Amino acid sequence: MPDRLADLYELERELRDAIAAAGPDHPNHAIWIQARLNALTEMQTHRREYSDQQPLPLTHRSAA
C-alpha cells in the first residue's frame, strides 16, 4: 500500500474516533465530518489510481 494511502487511512481513523468521542455538540464536529469526507474521497481516488497501475489479470486481457 502506498505511503500516502496509509497516511489517509490513519487520518480517517483518527477523525472517526474524534467524532465519536466528542459527540455532535462539539464545536469542531462539522469541521471533522467534512475533513473525514475529504479523506475518504481522497482515499478512493488513490485506490483507483493504484488499481489502474496494476496489470490486468489474464482473464481480462485481450486475446490479440
N, C-alpha and C. Protein backbone atom coordinates (compact mmCIF):
# COMPACT_ATOMS: atom_id res chain seq x y z
N MET A 1 0.85 -1.17 0.00
CA MET A 1 0.00 0.00 0.00
C MET A 1 0.91 1.24 0.00
N PRO A 2 0.64 2.16 -0.89
CA PRO A 2 1.46 3.38 -0.92
C PRO A 2 1.38 4.14 0.41
N ASP A 3 2.46 4.85 0.70
CA ASP A 3 2.54 5.58 1.97
C ASP A 3 1.40 6.59 2.12
N ARG A 4 1.07 7.29 1.05
CA ARG A 4 0.01 8.30 1.13
C ARG A 4 -1.31 7.67 1.52
N LEU A 5 -1.61 6.51 0.96
CA LEU A 5 -2.86 5.83 1.29
C LEU A 5 -2.87 5.38 2.75
N ALA A 6 -1.74 4.90 3.23
CA ALA A 6 -1.64 4.51 4.64
C ALA A 6 -1.86 5.72 5.55
N ASP A 7 -1.29 6.87 5.16
CA ASP A 7 -1.50 8.09 5.94
C ASP A 7 -2.96 8.50 5.95
N LEU A 8 -3.64 8.35 4.82
CA LEU A 8 -5.05 8.70 4.74
C LEU A 8 -5.90 7.78 5.61
N TYR A 9 -5.58 6.48 5.62
CA TYR A 9 -6.31 5.54 6.49
C TYR A 9 -6.16 5.95 7.95
N GLU A 10 -4.94 6.33 8.34
CA GLU A 10 -4.70 6.74 9.72
C GLU A 10 -5.46 8.02 10.06
N LEU A 11 -5.43 8.99 9.15
CA LEU A 11 -6.15 10.25 9.37
C LEU A 11 -7.65 10.00 9.50
N GLU A 12 -8.19 9.17 8.61
CA GLU A 12 -9.63 8.88 8.65
C GLU A 12 -9.99 8.20 9.96
N ARG A 13 -9.17 7.29 10.43
CA ARG A 13 -9.42 6.59 11.70
C ARG A 13 -9.40 7.57 12.87
N GLU A 14 -8.42 8.48 12.87
CA GLU A 14 -8.34 9.47 13.95
C GLU A 14 -9.55 10.40 13.94
N LEU A 15 -9.97 10.82 12.75
CA LEU A 15 -11.14 11.69 12.66
C LEU A 15 -12.40 10.97 13.11
N ARG A 16 -12.55 9.71 12.70
CA ARG A 16 -13.72 8.92 13.09
C ARG A 16 -13.77 8.78 14.61
N ASP A 17 -12.62 8.51 15.23
CA ASP A 17 -12.56 8.37 16.68
C ASP A 17 -12.87 9.69 17.38
N ALA A 18 -12.35 10.80 16.85
CA ALA A 18 -12.61 12.11 17.45
C ALA A 18 -14.08 12.47 17.36
N ILE A 19 -14.69 12.18 16.23
CA ILE A 19 -16.12 12.46 16.05
C ILE A 19 -16.94 11.65 17.04
N ALA A 20 -16.61 10.38 17.19
CA ALA A 20 -17.36 9.52 18.10
C ALA A 20 -17.16 9.93 19.56
N ALA A 21 -15.94 10.29 19.92
CA ALA A 21 -15.64 10.63 21.31
C ALA A 21 -16.23 11.98 21.71
N ALA A 22 -16.21 12.94 20.81
CA ALA A 22 -16.64 14.30 21.16
C ALA A 22 -18.15 14.47 21.09
N GLY A 23 -18.81 13.72 20.25
CA GLY A 23 -20.26 13.86 20.13
C GLY A 23 -20.67 15.00 19.21
N PRO A 24 -21.95 15.06 18.88
CA PRO A 24 -22.44 16.03 17.89
C PRO A 24 -22.46 17.48 18.37
N ASP A 25 -22.33 17.71 19.66
CA ASP A 25 -22.39 19.08 20.17
C ASP A 25 -21.03 19.77 20.23
N HIS A 26 -19.98 19.06 19.86
CA HIS A 26 -18.64 19.65 19.89
C HIS A 26 -18.53 20.74 18.82
N PRO A 27 -17.86 21.87 19.13
CA PRO A 27 -17.76 22.97 18.17
C PRO A 27 -17.06 22.59 16.85
N ASN A 28 -16.18 21.59 16.88
CA ASN A 28 -15.46 21.19 15.67
C ASN A 28 -16.12 20.03 14.93
N HIS A 29 -17.29 19.62 15.36
CA HIS A 29 -17.96 18.44 14.79
C HIS A 29 -18.11 18.56 13.27
N ALA A 30 -18.64 19.65 12.78
CA ALA A 30 -18.86 19.82 11.33
C ALA A 30 -17.54 19.84 10.57
N ILE A 31 -16.52 20.45 11.16
CA ILE A 31 -15.20 20.51 10.51
C ILE A 31 -14.63 19.10 10.40
N TRP A 32 -14.74 18.31 11.47
CA TRP A 32 -14.22 16.95 11.45
C TRP A 32 -14.98 16.07 10.46
N ILE A 33 -16.29 16.26 10.38
CA ILE A 33 -17.09 15.49 9.43
C ILE A 33 -16.63 15.79 8.01
N GLN A 34 -16.45 17.08 7.68
CA GLN A 34 -16.02 17.46 6.34
C GLN A 34 -14.62 16.95 6.05
N ALA A 35 -13.72 17.04 7.03
CA ALA A 35 -12.36 16.54 6.85
C ALA A 35 -12.36 15.03 6.61
N ARG A 36 -13.22 14.31 7.33
CA ARG A 36 -13.31 12.86 7.14
C ARG A 36 -13.85 12.53 5.75
N LEU A 37 -14.86 13.26 5.29
CA LEU A 37 -15.38 13.05 3.94
C LEU A 37 -14.32 13.33 2.89
N ASN A 38 -13.54 14.39 3.10
CA ASN A 38 -12.45 14.70 2.17
C ASN A 38 -11.41 13.58 2.16
N ALA A 39 -11.08 13.06 3.33
CA ALA A 39 -10.10 11.97 3.42
C ALA A 39 -10.63 10.72 2.72
N LEU A 40 -11.90 10.40 2.92
CA LEU A 40 -12.49 9.23 2.26
C LEU A 40 -12.49 9.39 0.74
N THR A 41 -12.78 10.59 0.26
CA THR A 41 -12.77 10.84 -1.18
C THR A 41 -11.36 10.70 -1.73
N GLU A 42 -10.39 11.24 -1.02
CA GLU A 42 -9.00 11.14 -1.47
C GLU A 42 -8.52 9.69 -1.43
N MET A 43 -8.96 8.93 -0.42
CA MET A 43 -8.61 7.51 -0.35
C MET A 43 -9.15 6.77 -1.56
N GLN A 44 -10.38 7.05 -1.93
CA GLN A 44 -11.00 6.40 -3.08
C GLN A 44 -10.22 6.74 -4.35
N THR A 45 -9.82 7.99 -4.50
CA THR A 45 -9.05 8.41 -5.67
C THR A 45 -7.71 7.68 -5.71
N HIS A 46 -7.02 7.62 -4.58
CA HIS A 46 -5.72 6.94 -4.54
C HIS A 46 -5.86 5.45 -4.80
N ARG A 47 -6.90 4.82 -4.25
CA ARG A 47 -7.11 3.39 -4.51
C ARG A 47 -7.37 3.14 -5.99
N ARG A 48 -8.16 4.02 -6.61
CA ARG A 48 -8.46 3.87 -8.04
C ARG A 48 -7.19 4.03 -8.87
N GLU A 49 -6.38 5.05 -8.55
CA GLU A 49 -5.13 5.27 -9.27
C GLU A 49 -4.18 4.08 -9.08
N TYR A 50 -4.09 3.57 -7.87
CA TYR A 50 -3.23 2.43 -7.59
C TYR A 50 -3.72 1.20 -8.36
N SER A 51 -5.02 0.99 -8.37
CA SER A 51 -5.60 -0.15 -9.07
C SER A 51 -5.37 -0.04 -10.58
N ASP A 52 -5.48 1.16 -11.11
CA ASP A 52 -5.27 1.36 -12.55
C ASP A 52 -3.84 1.06 -12.97
N GLN A 53 -2.90 1.18 -12.05
CA GLN A 53 -1.49 0.92 -12.36
C GLN A 53 -1.15 -0.56 -12.34
N GLN A 54 -2.02 -1.37 -11.78
CA GLN A 54 -1.76 -2.80 -11.67
C GLN A 54 -2.08 -3.49 -12.99
N PRO A 55 -1.32 -4.53 -13.34
CA PRO A 55 -1.61 -5.25 -14.59
C PRO A 55 -2.94 -5.98 -14.50
N LEU A 56 -3.59 -6.10 -15.63
CA LEU A 56 -4.87 -6.80 -15.67
C LEU A 56 -4.66 -8.29 -15.47
N PRO A 57 -5.58 -8.97 -14.81
CA PRO A 57 -5.50 -10.43 -14.71
C PRO A 57 -5.58 -11.05 -16.10
N LEU A 58 -5.03 -12.23 -16.26
CA LEU A 58 -5.02 -12.89 -17.56
C LEU A 58 -6.42 -13.05 -18.14
N THR A 59 -7.41 -13.24 -17.29
CA THR A 59 -8.78 -13.44 -17.78
C THR A 59 -9.38 -12.18 -18.38
N HIS A 60 -8.78 -11.00 -18.12
CA HIS A 60 -9.31 -9.74 -18.63
C HIS A 60 -8.48 -9.16 -19.77
N ARG A 61 -7.44 -9.87 -20.19
CA ARG A 61 -6.58 -9.35 -21.25
C ARG A 61 -7.13 -9.73 -22.62
N SER A 62 -6.78 -8.92 -23.57
CA SER A 62 -7.22 -9.16 -24.95
C SER A 62 -6.47 -10.36 -25.52
N ALA A 63 -7.13 -11.10 -26.37
CA ALA A 63 -6.51 -12.27 -27.00
C ALA A 63 -5.60 -11.84 -28.14
N ALA A 64 -5.66 -10.60 -28.55
CA ALA A 64 -4.86 -10.12 -29.68
C ALA A 64 -3.45 -9.93 -29.34
